[in-house]
């Protein structure tokens, strides 16, 4: 595989890593743990989840899948490069 594939995967990996961190930080705390220690537990007692939260969950899962695919693609590319001896 050409070297541009590795550069594309690395660029996509960096972008999805930043997006994944931002999307995870946007999630509302569910109570317990460190989020409730800083006062997040009071507002998380509302029942039900909104459409925005469901969409945020979907986007987080989608970006996570793309991130995982980049990791696997980079690993396969590295393995092929090591096997070919270049």
N, C-alpha and C. Protein backbone atom coordinates (compact mmCIF):
# COMPACT_ATOMS: atom_id res chain seq x y z
N UNK A 1 0.84 -1.18 0.00
CA UNK A 1 0.00 0.00 0.00
C UNK A 1 0.89 1.25 0.00
N UNK A 2 0.45 2.28 -0.66
CA UNK A 2 1.26 3.50 -0.74
C UNK A 2 1.31 4.26 0.59
N UNK A 3 2.29 5.13 0.69
CA UNK A 3 2.52 5.89 1.92
C UNK A 3 1.40 6.90 2.18
N UNK A 4 0.73 7.36 1.12
CA UNK A 4 -0.35 8.33 1.31
C UNK A 4 -1.49 7.72 2.11
N UNK A 5 -1.64 6.40 2.05
CA UNK A 5 -2.67 5.73 2.84
C UNK A 5 -2.40 5.91 4.33
N UNK A 6 -1.15 5.77 4.72
CA UNK A 6 -0.79 5.95 6.13
C UNK A 6 -1.02 7.39 6.58
N UNK A 7 -0.64 8.34 5.74
CA UNK A 7 -0.85 9.75 6.09
C UNK A 7 -2.34 10.09 6.20
N UNK A 8 -3.14 9.51 5.33
CA UNK A 8 -4.58 9.72 5.40
C UNK A 8 -5.16 9.13 6.67
N UNK A 9 -4.72 7.92 7.02
CA UNK A 9 -5.21 7.28 8.23
C UNK A 9 -4.80 8.05 9.49
N UNK A 10 -3.56 8.55 9.51
CA UNK A 10 -3.09 9.31 10.67
C UNK A 10 -3.87 10.61 10.80
N UNK A 11 -4.10 11.30 9.69
CA UNK A 11 -4.87 12.54 9.72
C UNK A 11 -6.30 12.28 10.20
N UNK A 12 -6.91 11.25 9.67
CA UNK A 12 -8.27 10.89 10.08
C UNK A 12 -8.30 10.47 11.55
N UNK A 13 -7.25 9.80 12.00
CA UNK A 13 -7.17 9.37 13.39
C UNK A 13 -7.08 10.57 14.33
N UNK A 14 -6.29 11.57 13.97
CA UNK A 14 -6.17 12.76 14.81
C UNK A 14 -7.50 13.52 14.87
N UNK A 15 -8.15 13.67 13.72
CA UNK A 15 -9.43 14.39 13.68
C UNK A 15 -10.48 13.66 14.49
N UNK A 16 -10.58 12.34 14.31
CA UNK A 16 -11.60 11.59 15.05
C UNK A 16 -11.28 11.53 16.53
N UNK A 17 -10.01 11.54 16.90
CA UNK A 17 -9.64 11.55 18.33
C UNK A 17 -10.11 12.83 19.00
N UNK A 18 -9.88 13.95 18.36
CA UNK A 18 -10.32 15.23 18.92
C UNK A 18 -11.84 15.29 18.98
N UNK A 19 -12.51 14.85 17.91
CA UNK A 19 -13.97 14.84 17.91
C UNK A 19 -14.54 13.92 18.98
N UNK A 20 -13.90 12.78 19.18
CA UNK A 20 -14.38 11.83 20.18
C UNK A 20 -14.25 12.41 21.59
N UNK A 21 -13.15 13.08 21.86
CA UNK A 21 -12.99 13.72 23.18
C UNK A 21 -14.05 14.80 23.38
N UNK A 22 -14.28 15.62 22.36
CA UNK A 22 -15.28 16.68 22.48
C UNK A 22 -16.69 16.12 22.66
N UNK A 23 -17.01 15.09 21.90
CA UNK A 23 -18.35 14.50 22.00
C UNK A 23 -18.57 13.84 23.36
N UNK A 24 -17.55 13.19 23.88
CA UNK A 24 -17.69 12.57 25.20
C UNK A 24 -17.84 13.62 26.28
N UNK A 25 -17.13 14.73 26.15
CA UNK A 25 -17.25 15.80 27.14
C UNK A 25 -18.61 16.49 27.08
N UNK A 26 -19.29 16.42 25.95
CA UNK A 26 -20.61 17.02 25.83
C UNK A 26 -21.71 16.21 26.52
N UNK A 27 -21.45 14.93 26.78
CA UNK A 27 -22.45 14.09 27.43
C UNK A 27 -22.72 14.57 28.85
N UNK A 28 -23.96 14.42 29.24
CA UNK A 28 -24.37 14.80 30.59
C UNK A 28 -24.03 13.65 31.53
N UNK A 29 -23.57 13.98 32.72
CA UNK A 29 -23.24 12.96 33.70
C UNK A 29 -24.48 12.22 34.16
N UNK A 30 -24.34 10.94 34.42
CA UNK A 30 -25.48 10.13 34.85
C UNK A 30 -25.52 9.98 36.37
N UNK A 31 -24.73 10.70 37.09
CA UNK A 31 -24.69 10.59 38.54
C UNK A 31 -23.64 9.60 38.97
N UNK A 32 -23.09 9.83 40.16
CA UNK A 32 -22.04 8.96 40.65
C UNK A 32 -20.71 9.34 40.04
N UNK A 33 -19.66 8.90 40.65
CA UNK A 33 -18.33 9.18 40.12
C UNK A 33 -17.92 10.62 40.29
N UNK A 34 -17.03 11.07 39.46
CA UNK A 34 -16.50 12.42 39.59
C UNK A 34 -17.48 13.50 39.17
N UNK A 35 -18.42 13.17 38.29
CA UNK A 35 -19.35 14.20 37.82
C UNK A 35 -20.27 14.67 38.94
N UNK A 36 -20.67 13.79 39.84
CA UNK A 36 -21.54 14.21 40.93
C UNK A 36 -20.75 14.93 42.02
N UNK A 37 -19.45 14.70 42.08
CA UNK A 37 -18.65 15.36 43.10
C UNK A 37 -18.56 16.86 42.84
N UNK A 38 -18.64 17.27 41.59
CA UNK A 38 -18.57 18.68 41.25
C UNK A 38 -19.93 19.31 41.03
N UNK A 39 -20.98 18.68 41.49
CA UNK A 39 -22.31 19.26 41.39
C UNK A 39 -23.09 18.82 40.18
N UNK A 40 -22.61 17.90 39.40
CA UNK A 40 -23.32 17.44 38.21
C UNK A 40 -24.46 16.49 38.53
N UNK A 41 -24.47 15.92 39.72
CA UNK A 41 -25.48 14.95 40.09
C UNK A 41 -26.84 15.56 40.33
N UNK A 42 -26.91 16.86 40.62
CA UNK A 42 -28.19 17.50 40.91
C UNK A 42 -29.03 17.64 39.64
N UNK A 43 -28.41 18.03 38.54
CA UNK A 43 -29.17 18.26 37.31
C UNK A 43 -29.41 16.99 36.51
N UNK A 44 -28.74 15.89 36.87
CA UNK A 44 -28.91 14.68 36.08
C UNK A 44 -30.06 13.82 36.57
N UNK A 45 -30.85 14.31 37.50
CA UNK A 45 -31.95 13.50 38.02
C UNK A 45 -33.22 13.63 37.17
N UNK A 46 -33.19 14.38 36.11
CA UNK A 46 -34.36 14.52 35.24
C UNK A 46 -34.60 13.22 34.50
N UNK A 47 -35.85 12.81 34.41
CA UNK A 47 -36.18 11.53 33.76
C UNK A 47 -36.23 11.71 32.25
N UNK A 48 -35.90 10.65 31.54
CA UNK A 48 -35.99 10.67 30.08
C UNK A 48 -34.79 11.32 29.43
N UNK A 49 -34.64 11.04 28.16
CA UNK A 49 -33.55 11.66 27.42
C UNK A 49 -34.13 12.36 26.19
N UNK A 50 -33.55 13.46 25.86
CA UNK A 50 -34.07 14.26 24.76
C UNK A 50 -33.54 13.74 23.42
N UNK A 51 -34.06 14.28 22.36
CA UNK A 51 -33.64 13.90 21.01
C UNK A 51 -32.18 14.32 20.81
N UNK A 52 -31.80 15.45 21.39
CA UNK A 52 -30.42 15.91 21.24
C UNK A 52 -29.44 14.95 21.88
N UNK A 53 -29.81 14.38 23.01
CA UNK A 53 -28.92 13.41 23.66
C UNK A 53 -28.83 12.12 22.85
N UNK A 54 -29.94 11.70 22.28
CA UNK A 54 -29.90 10.49 21.45
C UNK A 54 -29.03 10.70 20.22
N UNK A 55 -29.15 11.87 19.61
CA UNK A 55 -28.31 12.18 18.45
C UNK A 55 -26.85 12.28 18.85
N UNK A 56 -26.57 12.84 20.03
CA UNK A 56 -25.21 12.93 20.52
C UNK A 56 -24.63 11.54 20.74
N UNK A 57 -25.45 10.63 21.26
CA UNK A 57 -25.02 9.24 21.42
C UNK A 57 -24.69 8.61 20.07
N UNK A 58 -25.55 8.84 19.09
CA UNK A 58 -25.32 8.27 17.75
C UNK A 58 -24.04 8.80 17.13
N UNK A 59 -23.82 10.11 17.24
CA UNK A 59 -22.62 10.70 16.68
C UNK A 59 -21.37 10.18 17.38
N UNK A 60 -21.46 10.00 18.69
CA UNK A 60 -20.32 9.50 19.45
C UNK A 60 -19.98 8.07 19.01
N UNK A 61 -21.00 7.24 18.85
CA UNK A 61 -20.76 5.86 18.41
C UNK A 61 -20.19 5.85 16.99
N UNK A 62 -20.73 6.68 16.10
CA UNK A 62 -20.24 6.73 14.73
C UNK A 62 -18.78 7.16 14.67
N UNK A 63 -18.42 8.21 15.40
CA UNK A 63 -17.04 8.67 15.41
C UNK A 63 -16.14 7.61 16.05
N UNK A 64 -16.65 6.91 17.06
CA UNK A 64 -15.87 5.84 17.68
C UNK A 64 -15.60 4.70 16.72
N UNK A 65 -16.57 4.37 15.88
CA UNK A 65 -16.38 3.30 14.89
C UNK A 65 -15.35 3.72 13.85
N UNK A 66 -15.42 4.98 13.40
CA UNK A 66 -14.44 5.48 12.42
C UNK A 66 -13.04 5.49 13.05
N UNK A 67 -12.95 5.89 14.33
CA UNK A 67 -11.68 5.91 15.04
C UNK A 67 -11.10 4.50 15.12
N UNK A 68 -11.95 3.53 15.46
CA UNK A 68 -11.50 2.14 15.56
C UNK A 68 -11.05 1.61 14.19
N UNK A 69 -11.78 1.96 13.14
CA UNK A 69 -11.41 1.53 11.80
C UNK A 69 -10.05 2.12 11.39
N UNK A 70 -9.78 3.35 11.80
CA UNK A 70 -8.47 3.95 11.50
C UNK A 70 -7.35 3.21 12.22
N UNK A 71 -7.58 2.81 13.47
CA UNK A 71 -6.58 2.06 14.22
C UNK A 71 -6.30 0.73 13.52
N UNK A 72 -7.36 0.02 13.15
CA UNK A 72 -7.20 -1.27 12.48
C UNK A 72 -6.52 -1.10 11.12
N UNK A 73 -6.93 -0.09 10.36
CA UNK A 73 -6.33 0.16 9.05
C UNK A 73 -4.85 0.49 9.15
N UNK A 74 -4.47 1.29 10.14
CA UNK A 74 -3.06 1.63 10.33
C UNK A 74 -2.27 0.40 10.74
N UNK A 75 -2.86 -0.44 11.60
CA UNK A 75 -2.18 -1.66 12.01
C UNK A 75 -1.97 -2.62 10.85
N UNK A 76 -2.99 -2.77 10.00
CA UNK A 76 -2.85 -3.63 8.83
C UNK A 76 -1.83 -3.08 7.85
N UNK A 77 -1.82 -1.76 7.67
CA UNK A 77 -0.84 -1.15 6.77
C UNK A 77 0.57 -1.38 7.29
N UNK A 78 0.77 -1.23 8.59
CA UNK A 78 2.09 -1.45 9.18
C UNK A 78 2.52 -2.91 9.05
N UNK A 79 1.58 -3.80 9.23
CA UNK A 79 1.89 -5.23 9.10
C UNK A 79 2.28 -5.56 7.66
N UNK A 80 1.58 -5.00 6.70
CA UNK A 80 1.94 -5.23 5.29
C UNK A 80 3.29 -4.64 4.94
N UNK A 81 3.59 -3.49 5.51
CA UNK A 81 4.89 -2.87 5.25
C UNK A 81 6.04 -3.69 5.84
N UNK A 82 5.80 -4.25 7.04
CA UNK A 82 6.83 -5.08 7.66
C UNK A 82 7.01 -6.38 6.89
N UNK A 83 5.92 -6.92 6.35
CA UNK A 83 5.99 -8.18 5.60
C UNK A 83 6.71 -8.00 4.27
N UNK A 84 6.54 -6.81 3.66
CA UNK A 84 7.18 -6.59 2.36
C UNK A 84 8.64 -6.17 2.52
N UNK A 85 9.05 -5.79 3.73
CA UNK A 85 10.45 -5.46 3.97
C UNK A 85 10.86 -4.06 3.59
N UNK A 86 9.89 -3.15 3.40
CA UNK A 86 10.26 -1.78 3.05
C UNK A 86 10.11 -0.86 4.23
